C-alpha atoms as a PDB file:
ATOM      1  CA  UNK A   1      92.835 184.623  10.332  1.00  0.00           C
ATOM      2  CA  UNK A   2      91.952 187.759  11.754  1.00  0.00           C
ATOM      3  CA  UNK A   3      92.888 191.397  11.276  1.00  0.00           C
ATOM      4  CA  UNK A   4      95.880 193.016  13.367  1.00  0.00           C
ATOM      5  CA  UNK A   5      96.575 195.927  14.207  1.00  0.00           C
ATOM      6  CA  UNK A   6      99.373 197.408  16.239  1.00  0.00           C
ATOM      7  CA  UNK A   7     100.084 193.506  16.942  1.00  0.00           C
ATOM      8  CA  UNK A   8      96.660 193.120  18.547  1.00  0.00           C
ATOM      9  CA  UNK A   9      94.744 189.791  16.745  1.00  0.00           C
ATOM     10  CA  UNK A  10      91.419 190.882  16.051  1.00  0.00           C
ATOM     11  CA  UNK A  11      88.549 188.629  15.568  1.00  0.00           C
ATOM     12  CA  UNK A  12      87.082 186.513  13.025  1.00  0.00           C
ATOM     13  CA  UNK A  13      84.440 187.920  10.947  1.00  0.00           C
ATOM     14  CA  UNK A  14      82.532 184.987  11.707  1.00  0.00           C
ATOM     15  CA  UNK A  15      83.249 185.078  14.908  1.00  0.00           C
ATOM     16  CA  UNK A  16      80.348 185.744  17.367  1.00  0.00           C
ATOM     17  CA  UNK A  17      79.146 187.183  21.012  1.00  0.00           C
ATOM     18  CA  UNK A  18      75.894 186.372  22.043  1.00  0.00           C
ATOM     19  CA  UNK A  19      76.392 188.318  24.763  1.00  0.00           C
ATOM     20  CA  UNK A  20      77.654 191.498  22.967  1.00  0.00           C
ATOM     21  CA  UNK A  21      75.254 191.688  20.394  1.00  0.00           C
ATOM     22  CA  UNK A  22      73.732 194.953  19.481  1.00  0.00           C
ATOM     23  CA  UNK A  23      77.113 196.807  21.051  1.00  0.00           C
ATOM     24  CA  UNK A  24      77.216 201.080  20.177  1.00  0.00           C
ATOM     25  CA  UNK A  25      80.508 201.747  18.295  1.00  0.00           C
ATOM     26  CA  UNK A  26      83.409 201.690  21.362  1.00  0.00           C
ATOM     27  CA  UNK A  27      86.925 201.910  21.833  1.00  0.00           C
ATOM     28  CA  UNK A  28      86.229 198.217  21.565  1.00  0.00           C
ATOM     29  CA  UNK A  29      84.661 197.532  18.656  1.00  0.00           C
ATOM     30  CA  UNK A  30      84.713 200.568  16.688  1.00  0.00           C
ATOM     31  CA  UNK A  31      81.716 200.234  14.566  1.00  0.00           C
ATOM     32  CA  UNK A  32      80.025 198.648  16.746  1.00  0.00           C
ATOM     33  CA  UNK A  33      78.330 194.917  16.576  1.00  0.00           C
ATOM     34  CA  UNK A  34      75.652 193.057  15.231  1.00  0.00           C
ATOM     35  CA  UNK A  35      72.680 190.931  16.336  1.00  0.00           C
ATOM     36  CA  UNK A  36      74.975 187.978  16.521  1.00  0.00           C
ATOM     37  CA  UNK A  37      77.830 189.826  18.452  1.00  0.00           C
ATOM     38  CA  UNK A  38      80.111 189.972  15.470  1.00  0.00           C
ATOM     39  CA  UNK A  39      82.430 192.415  14.984  1.00  0.00           C
ATOM     40  CA  UNK A  40      81.394 195.012  12.273  1.00  0.00           C
ATOM     41  CA  UNK A  41      84.277 196.918  11.839  1.00  0.00           C
ATOM     42  CA  UNK A  42      85.529 193.354  11.104  1.00  0.00           C
ATOM     43  CA  UNK A  43      83.417 192.362   8.805  1.00  0.00           C
ATOM     44  CA  UNK A  44      83.544 195.293   7.336  1.00  0.00           C
ATOM     45  CA  UNK A  45      87.133 194.792   6.010  1.00  0.00           C
ATOM     46  CA  UNK A  46      87.134 191.669   5.019  1.00  0.00           C
ATOM     47  CA  UNK A  47      83.830 193.011   3.001  1.00  0.00           C
ATOM     48  CA  UNK A  48      86.401 195.257   1.119  1.00  0.00           C
ATOM     49  CA  UNK A  49      87.894 192.328  -0.166  1.00  0.00           C
ATOM     50  CA  UNK A  50      84.918 190.731  -1.994  1.00  0.00           C
ATOM     51  CA  UNK A  51      83.787 194.166  -3.463  1.00  0.00           C
ATOM     52  CA  UNK A  52      87.655 195.362  -4.755  1.00  0.00           C
ATOM     53  CA  UNK A  53      88.361 191.452  -6.102  1.00  0.00           C
ATOM     54  CA  UNK A  54      84.541 191.886  -8.169  1.00  0.00           C
ATOM     55  CA  UNK A  55      85.564 195.915  -8.844  1.00  0.00           C
ATOM     56  CA  UNK A  56      88.796 194.805 -10.195  1.00  0.00           C
ATOM     57  CA  UNK A  57      88.701 191.775 -12.048  1.00  0.00           C
ATOM     58  CA  UNK A  58      85.206 192.476 -14.191  1.00  0.00           C
ATOM     59  CA  UNK A  59      86.628 195.757 -14.938  1.00  0.00           C
ATOM     60  CA  UNK A  60      90.208 193.734 -16.141  1.00  0.00           C
ATOM     61  CA  UNK A  61      87.789 190.962 -18.007  1.00  0.00           C
ATOM     62  CA  UNK A  62      86.062 194.283 -19.544  1.00  0.00           C
ATOM     63  CA  UNK A  63      88.794 195.493 -20.454  1.00  0.00           C
ATOM     64  CA  UNK A  64      90.440 193.329 -22.678  1.00  0.00           C
ATOM     65  CA  UNK A  65      86.853 191.675 -24.097  1.00  0.00           C
ATOM     66  CA  UNK A  66      85.931 195.777 -24.590  1.00  0.00           C
ATOM     67  CA  UNK A  67      89.424 196.681 -26.401  1.00  0.00           C
ATOM     68  CA  UNK A  68      89.358 193.841 -28.795  1.00  0.00           C
ATOM     69  CA  UNK A  69      85.603 193.655 -29.772  1.00  0.00           C
ATOM     70  CA  UNK A  70      86.007 197.307 -29.963  1.00  0.00           C
ATOM     71  CA  UNK A  71      88.782 197.238 -32.044  1.00  0.00           C
ATOM     72  CA  UNK A  72      88.082 195.341 -34.506  1.00  0.00           C
ATOM     73  CA  UNK A  73      84.338 196.993 -35.098  1.00  0.00           C
ATOM     74  CA  UNK A  74      86.059 199.650 -35.602  1.00  0.00           C
ATOM     75  CA  UNK A  75      89.153 198.781 -38.131  1.00  0.00           C
ATOM     76  CA  UNK A  76      86.911 196.420 -39.829  1.00  0.00           C
ATOM     77  CA  UNK A  77      83.773 198.870 -40.213  1.00  0.00           C
ATOM     78  CA  UNK A  78      81.520 198.468 -42.725  1.00  0.00           C
ATOM     79  CA  UNK A  79      78.926 195.513 -42.459  1.00  0.00           C
ATOM     80  CA  UNK A  80      81.234 193.633 -40.067  1.00  0.00           C
ATOM     81  CA  UNK A  81      80.894 196.935 -38.380  1.00  0.00           C
ATOM     82  CA  UNK A  82      77.389 197.212 -38.394  1.00  0.00           C
ATOM     83  CA  UNK A  83      76.746 193.433 -37.039  1.00  0.00           C
ATOM     84  CA  UNK A  84      78.902 193.753 -34.321  1.00  0.00           C
ATOM     85  CA  UNK A  85      77.536 196.684 -32.745  1.00  0.00           C
ATOM     86  CA  UNK A  86      73.712 195.095 -33.465  1.00  0.00           C
ATOM     87  CA  UNK A  87      75.213 192.415 -30.705  1.00  0.00           C
ATOM     88  CA  UNK A  88      76.037 195.220 -28.633  1.00  0.00           C
ATOM     89  CA  UNK A  89      72.865 196.457 -28.554  1.00  0.00           C
ATOM     90  CA  UNK A  90      70.839 193.484 -27.921  1.00  0.00           C
ATOM     91  CA  UNK A  91      73.434 193.079 -24.977  1.00  0.00           C
ATOM     92  CA  UNK A  92      72.958 195.801 -23.745  1.00  0.00           C
ATOM     93  CA  UNK A  93      69.293 195.663 -23.925  1.00  0.00           C
ATOM     94  CA  UNK A  94      69.007 192.623 -21.470  1.00  0.00           C
ATOM     95  CA  UNK A  95      69.195 193.888 -18.225  1.00  0.00           C
ATOM     96  CA  UNK A  96      72.499 192.694 -15.677  1.00  0.00           C
ATOM     97  CA  UNK A  97      70.030 190.567 -13.006  1.00  0.00           C
ATOM     98  CA  UNK A  98      68.836 188.602 -15.369  1.00  0.00           C
ATOM     99  CA  UNK A  99      72.382 187.437 -16.056  1.00  0.00           C
ATOM    100  CA  UNK A 100      72.622 186.666 -12.490  1.00  0.00           C
ATOM    101  CA  UNK A 101      69.923 184.746 -12.078  1.00  0.00           C
ATOM    102  CA  UNK A 102      70.260 182.723 -15.279  1.00  0.00           C
ATOM    103  CA  UNK A 103      73.936 181.933 -14.237  1.00  0.00           C
ATOM    104  CA  UNK A 104      72.648 181.367 -11.102  1.00  0.00           C
ATOM    105  CA  UNK A 105      70.218 178.636 -12.481  1.00  0.00           C
ATOM    106  CA  UNK A 106      73.024 177.478 -14.712  1.00  0.00           C
ATOM    107  CA  UNK A 107      76.135 177.176 -11.683  1.00  0.00           C
ATOM    108  CA  UNK A 108      73.550 176.023  -9.625  1.00  0.00           C
ATOM    109  CA  UNK A 109      74.720 178.510  -6.871  1.00  0.00           C
ATOM    110  CA  UNK A 110      75.731 182.322  -6.695  1.00  0.00           C
ATOM    111  CA  UNK A 111      78.447 183.851  -5.131  1.00  0.00           C
ATOM    112  CA  UNK A 112      81.927 185.572  -6.044  1.00  0.00           C
ATOM    113  CA  UNK A 113      82.316 183.748  -9.527  1.00  0.00           C
ATOM    114  CA  UNK A 114      78.708 184.735 -11.013  1.00  0.00           C
ATOM    115  CA  UNK A 115      78.778 188.169 -10.007  1.00  0.00           C
ATOM    116  CA  UNK A 116      82.148 188.661 -12.137  1.00  0.00           C
ATOM    117  CA  UNK A 117      81.215 186.079 -14.986  1.00  0.00           C
ATOM    118  CA  UNK A 118      78.326 188.693 -15.013  1.00  0.00           C
ATOM    119  CA  UNK A 119      79.494 191.832 -14.497  1.00  0.00           C
ATOM    120  CA  UNK A 120      81.615 190.427 -17.777  1.00  0.00           C
ATOM    121  CA  UNK A 121      79.286 189.240 -19.809  1.00  0.00           C
ATOM    122  CA  UNK A 122      77.290 192.613 -20.110  1.00  0.00           C
ATOM    123  CA  UNK A 123      80.040 195.455 -19.154  1.00  0.00           C
ATOM    124  CA  UNK A 124      82.572 195.350 -20.939  1.00  0.00           C
ATOM    125  CA  UNK A 125      80.405 197.293 -23.980  1.00  0.00           C
ATOM    126  CA  UNK A 126      81.186 200.424 -22.742  1.00  0.00           C
ATOM    127  CA  UNK A 127      84.907 200.126 -23.182  1.00  0.00           C
ATOM    128  CA  UNK A 128      83.810 198.718 -26.379  1.00  0.00           C
ATOM    129  CA  UNK A 129      82.069 201.436 -28.227  1.00  0.00           C
ATOM    130  CA  UNK A 130      84.704 204.043 -26.658  1.00  0.00           C
ATOM    131  CA  UNK A 131      87.440 202.306 -28.193  1.00  0.00           C
ATOM    132  CA  UNK A 132      85.416 201.378 -31.975  1.00  0.00           C
ATOM    133  CA  UNK A 133      84.569 205.226 -31.634  1.00  0.00           C
ATOM    134  CA  UNK A 134      88.492 205.920 -31.403  1.00  0.00           C
ATOM    135  CA  UNK A 135      89.643 203.266 -33.762  1.00  0.00           C
ATOM    136  CA  UNK A 136      87.320 204.964 -36.069  1.00  0.00           C
ATOM    137  CA  UNK A 137      88.757 208.005 -36.051  1.00  0.00           C
ATOM    138  CA  UNK A 138      92.416 207.108 -36.111  1.00  0.00           C
ATOM    139  CA  UNK A 139      92.108 205.000 -38.758  1.00  0.00           C
ATOM    140  CA  UNK A 140      91.949 208.058 -41.311  1.00  0.00           C
ATOM    141  CA  UNK A 141      95.302 209.102 -39.438  1.00  0.00           C
ATOM    142  CA  UNK A 142      98.416 209.569 -41.687  1.00  0.00           C
ATOM    143  CA  UNK A 143     100.403 207.674 -39.479  1.00  0.00           C
ATOM    144  CA  UNK A 144      97.628 204.555 -39.972  1.00  0.00           C
ATOM    145  CA  UNK A 145      98.332 205.511 -44.330  1.00  0.00           C
ATOM    146  CA  UNK A 146     102.221 204.947 -43.861  1.00  0.00           C
ATOM    147  CA  UNK A 147     102.071 201.961 -41.864  1.00  0.00           C
ATOM    148  CA  UNK A 148      99.785 200.133 -44.641  1.00  0.00           C
ATOM    149  CA  UNK A 149     102.583 201.515 -47.044  1.00  0.00           C
ATOM    150  CA  UNK A 150     105.232 199.626 -45.412  1.00  0.00           C
ATOM    151  CA  UNK A 151     103.347 196.682 -45.660  1.00  0.00           C
ATOM    152  CA  UNK A 152     102.204 195.960 -42.474  1.00  0.00           C
ATOM    153  CA  UNK A 153      99.296 193.765 -41.110  1.00  0.00           C
ATOM    154  CA  UNK A 154      95.806 194.263 -39.935  1.00  0.00           C
ATOM    155  CA  UNK A 155      96.886 192.860 -36.794  1.00  0.00           C
ATOM    156  CA  UNK A 156     100.039 194.579 -36.215  1.00  0.00           C
ATOM    157  CA  UNK A 157      98.091 198.394 -37.703  1.00  0.00           C
ATOM    158  CA  UNK A 158      95.132 197.590 -34.898  1.00  0.00           C
ATOM    159  CA  UNK A 159      97.190 196.305 -31.624  1.00  0.00           C
ATOM    160  CA  UNK A 160     100.632 198.149 -32.257  1.00  0.00           C
ATOM    161  CA  UNK A 161      99.524 201.312 -33.892  1.00  0.00           C
ATOM    162  CA  UNK A 162      95.826 201.801 -33.529  1.00  0.00           C
ATOM    163  CA  UNK A 163      95.139 200.833 -29.543  1.00  0.00           C
ATOM    164  CA  UNK A 164      98.319 202.292 -27.818  1.00  0.00           C
ATOM    165  CA  UNK A 165      96.840 205.734 -29.589  1.00  0.00           C
ATOM    166  CA  UNK A 166      93.429 205.044 -27.553  1.00  0.00           C
ATOM    167  CA  UNK A 167      94.919 204.825 -23.864  1.00  0.00           C
ATOM    168  CA  UNK A 168      94.107 207.783 -22.457  1.00  0.00           C
ATOM    169  CA  UNK A 169      90.320 206.849 -23.401  1.00  0.00           C
ATOM    170  CA  UNK A 170      91.073 202.952 -21.885  1.00  0.00           C
ATOM    171  CA  UNK A 171      92.008 204.149 -18.857  1.00  0.00           C
ATOM    172  CA  UNK A 172      89.964 206.874 -17.922  1.00  0.00           C
ATOM    173  CA  UNK A 173      86.864 204.067 -18.778  1.00  0.00           C
ATOM    174  CA  UNK A 174      88.826 201.614 -16.915  1.00  0.00           C
ATOM    175  CA  UNK A 175      88.976 203.148 -13.923  1.00  0.00           C
ATOM    176  CA  UNK A 176      85.384 204.583 -13.594  1.00  0.00           C
ATOM    177  CA  UNK A 177      84.777 200.729 -14.465  1.00  0.00           C
ATOM    178  CA  UNK A 178      85.571 199.603 -10.997  1.00  0.00           C
ATOM    179  CA  UNK A 179      83.558 201.624  -9.220  1.00  0.00           C
ATOM    180  CA  UNK A 180      80.625 200.541 -10.732  1.00  0.00           C
ATOM    181  CA  UNK A 181      81.195 197.064 -10.913  1.00  0.00           C
ATOM    182  CA  UNK A 182      81.817 197.774  -7.034  1.00  0.00           C
ATOM    183  CA  UNK A 183      78.162 199.068  -6.872  1.00  0.00           C
ATOM    184  CA  UNK A 184      76.282 196.514  -8.536  1.00  0.00           C
ATOM    185  CA  UNK A 185      77.710 194.259  -6.738  1.00  0.00           C
ATOM    186  CA  UNK A 186      76.580 195.806  -3.353  1.00  0.00           C
ATOM    187  CA  UNK A 187      73.125 195.656  -5.015  1.00  0.00           C
ATOM    188  CA  UNK A 188      73.052 192.219  -6.213  1.00  0.00           C
ATOM    189  CA  UNK A 189      74.075 191.274  -2.875  1.00  0.00           C
ATOM    190  CA  UNK A 190      71.522 193.301  -1.000  1.00  0.00           C
ATOM    191  CA  UNK A 191      68.399 191.666  -2.547  1.00  0.00           C
ATOM    192  CA  UNK A 192      70.067 188.533  -2.276  1.00  0.00           C
ATOM    193  CA  UNK A 193      71.696 187.789  -6.247  1.00  0.00           C
ATOM    194  CA  UNK A 194      75.603 188.074  -4.622  1.00  0.00           C
ATOM    195  CA  UNK A 195      77.875 186.862  -2.281  1.00  0.00           C
ATOM    196  CA  UNK A 196      75.572 184.576   0.227  1.00  0.00           C
ATOM    197  CA  UNK A 197      76.015 185.224   3.958  1.00  0.00           C
ATOM    198  CA  UNK A 198      77.313 184.332   6.505  1.00  0.00           C
ATOM    199  CA  UNK A 199      80.388 186.027   3.892  1.00  0.00           C
ATOM    200  CA  UNK A 200      80.648 189.688   4.540  1.00  0.00           C
ATOM    201  CA  UNK A 201      79.846 191.971   1.522  1.00  0.00           C
ATOM    202  CA  UNK A 202      79.224 195.363   2.183  1.00  0.00           C
ATOM    203  CA  UNK A 203      76.041 194.151   0.400  1.00  0.00           C
ATOM    204  CA  UNK A 204      75.301 191.642   2.599  1.00  0.00           C
ATOM    205  CA  UNK A 205      76.213 193.801   5.685  1.00  0.00           C
ATOM    206  CA  UNK A 206      73.808 196.594   4.320  1.00  0.00           C
ATOM    207  CA  UNK A 207      71.136 193.716   4.152  1.00  0.00           C
ATOM    208  CA  UNK A 208      72.122 192.213   7.901  1.00  0.00           C
ATOM    209  CA  UNK A 209      71.369 195.596   8.748  1.00  0.00           C
ATOM    210  CA  UNK A 210      67.542 196.766   7.305  1.00  0.00           C
ATOM    211  CA  UNK A 211      65.917 194.370  10.356  1.00  0.00           C
ATOM    212  CA  UNK A 212      67.002 196.587  13.429  1.00  0.00           C
ATOM    213  CA  UNK A 213      67.638 199.977  10.927  1.00  0.00           C
ATOM    214  CA  UNK A 214      65.007 201.845  13.363  1.00  0.00           C
ATOM    215  CA  UNK A 215      67.251 201.056  16.704  1.00  0.00           C
ATOM    216  CA  UNK A 216      70.501 200.518  15.257  1.00  0.00           C
ATOM    217  CA  UNK A 217      71.213 203.065  12.514  1.00  0.00           C
ATOM    218  CA  UNK A 218      74.968 202.496  12.763  1.00  0.00           C
ATOM    219  CA  UNK A 219      74.876 198.939  11.209  1.00  0.00           C
ATOM    220  CA  UNK A 220      74.037 200.056   8.239  1.00  0.00           C
ATOM    221  CA  UNK A 221      75.736 203.518   8.382  1.00  0.00           C
ATOM    222  CA  UNK A 222      79.199 202.298   7.889  1.00  0.00           C
ATOM    223  CA  UNK A 223      78.765 199.427   5.233  1.00  0.00           C
ATOM    224  CA  UNK A 224      77.157 202.001   3.217  1.00  0.00           C
ATOM    225  CA  UNK A 225      79.972 204.524   3.856  1.00  0.00           C
ATOM    226  CA  UNK A 226      82.494 202.367   3.017  1.00  0.00           C
ATOM    227  CA  UNK A 227      80.566 202.084  -0.569  1.00  0.00           C
ATOM    228  CA  UNK A 228      79.861 205.507  -0.672  1.00  0.00           C
ATOM    229  CA  UNK A 229      83.867 206.637  -0.187  1.00  0.00           C
ATOM    230  CA  UNK A 230      85.021 203.918  -2.168  1.00  0.00           C
ATOM    231  CA  UNK A 231      83.245 204.933  -5.227  1.00  0.00           C
ATOM    232  CA  UNK A 232      83.649 208.711  -4.548  1.00  0.00           C
ATOM    233  CA  UNK A 233      87.497 207.796  -4.583  1.00  0.00           C
ATOM    234  CA  UNK A 234      87.244 205.901  -7.953  1.00  0.00           C
ATOM    235  CA  UNK A 235      85.202 208.794  -9.734  1.00  0.00           C
ATOM    236  CA  UNK A 236      87.867 210.984  -8.099  1.00  0.00           C
ATOM    237  CA  UNK A 237      90.848 209.667  -9.795  1.00  0.00           C
ATOM    238  CA  UNK A 238      88.467 209.055 -12.763  1.00  0.00           C
ATOM    239  CA  UNK A 239      87.998 212.799 -13.400  1.00  0.00           C
ATOM    240  CA  UNK A 240      91.266 213.417 -12.651  1.00  0.00           C
ATOM    241  CA  UNK A 241      92.955 211.131 -15.534  1.00  0.00           C
ATOM    242  CA  UNK A 242      90.344 212.260 -18.008  1.00  0.00           C
ATOM    243  CA  UNK A 243      91.568 216.138 -17.642  1.00  0.00           C
ATOM    244  CA  UNK A 244      94.999 214.850 -17.525  1.00  0.00           C
ATOM    245  CA  UNK A 245      94.904 213.207 -20.537  1.00  0.00           C
ATOM    246  CA  UNK A 246      92.495 215.702 -22.130  1.00  0.00           C
ATOM    247  CA  UNK A 247      94.640 217.884 -24.572  1.00  0.00           C
ATOM    248  CA  UNK A 248      92.599 220.669 -24.406  1.00  0.00           C
ATOM    249  CA  UNK A 249      93.356 221.408 -21.414  1.00  0.00           C
ATOM    250  CA  UNK A 250      96.451 221.087 -21.107  1.00  0.00           C
ATOM    251  CA  UNK A 251      98.299 224.641 -21.804  1.00  0.00           C
END
């Protein structure tokens, strides 16, 4: 299925027309065409599906893993906390590219699934540290002592009382992880470890544009502009949520 605007069906991202290759931006092709005559605007729009899917899917996985892991570490404390955080340090020390390469070897293919799994393996660390820090502070509060006095189990205290009180930092961290995942996907696709051509993602579009950068700079401009605007939007949203949830900024 192609993209449709105002009732007029636009071309599919893989439709090519060699007679119309390297066309400059115009009313017919808003972002111009590439070396195969494919419409860059349509390919940028389709690329958004991969980038946003990876950004949201990886962030949601990181949300659940980070909350559970960081919550248990902070609530348990002592040796359990020490061991769990040393595991976090080991995982954090391994570069993301290594995870992707290993997954490509294991599954014998690259693509969307490998990137999401690679991000889920390592990007939950930031969420876990945030949640752990909040739990360490909150578990000393009076309402936790009251819950223990009333006979509440450790699981109930953690998931019903402590984690809900961390929702502000969790939402802010989640919002800021989405642009990080989008940028990572673009980088991995750019160096050939992510979405494989001819699939259109912002990283692969930027990679394809390098060959004709001097003569056709618009081919690189539009996918990189899409990456920058998306990352900027989520960062501004995260900053706004952080200010909204920060009690120190409230009158």
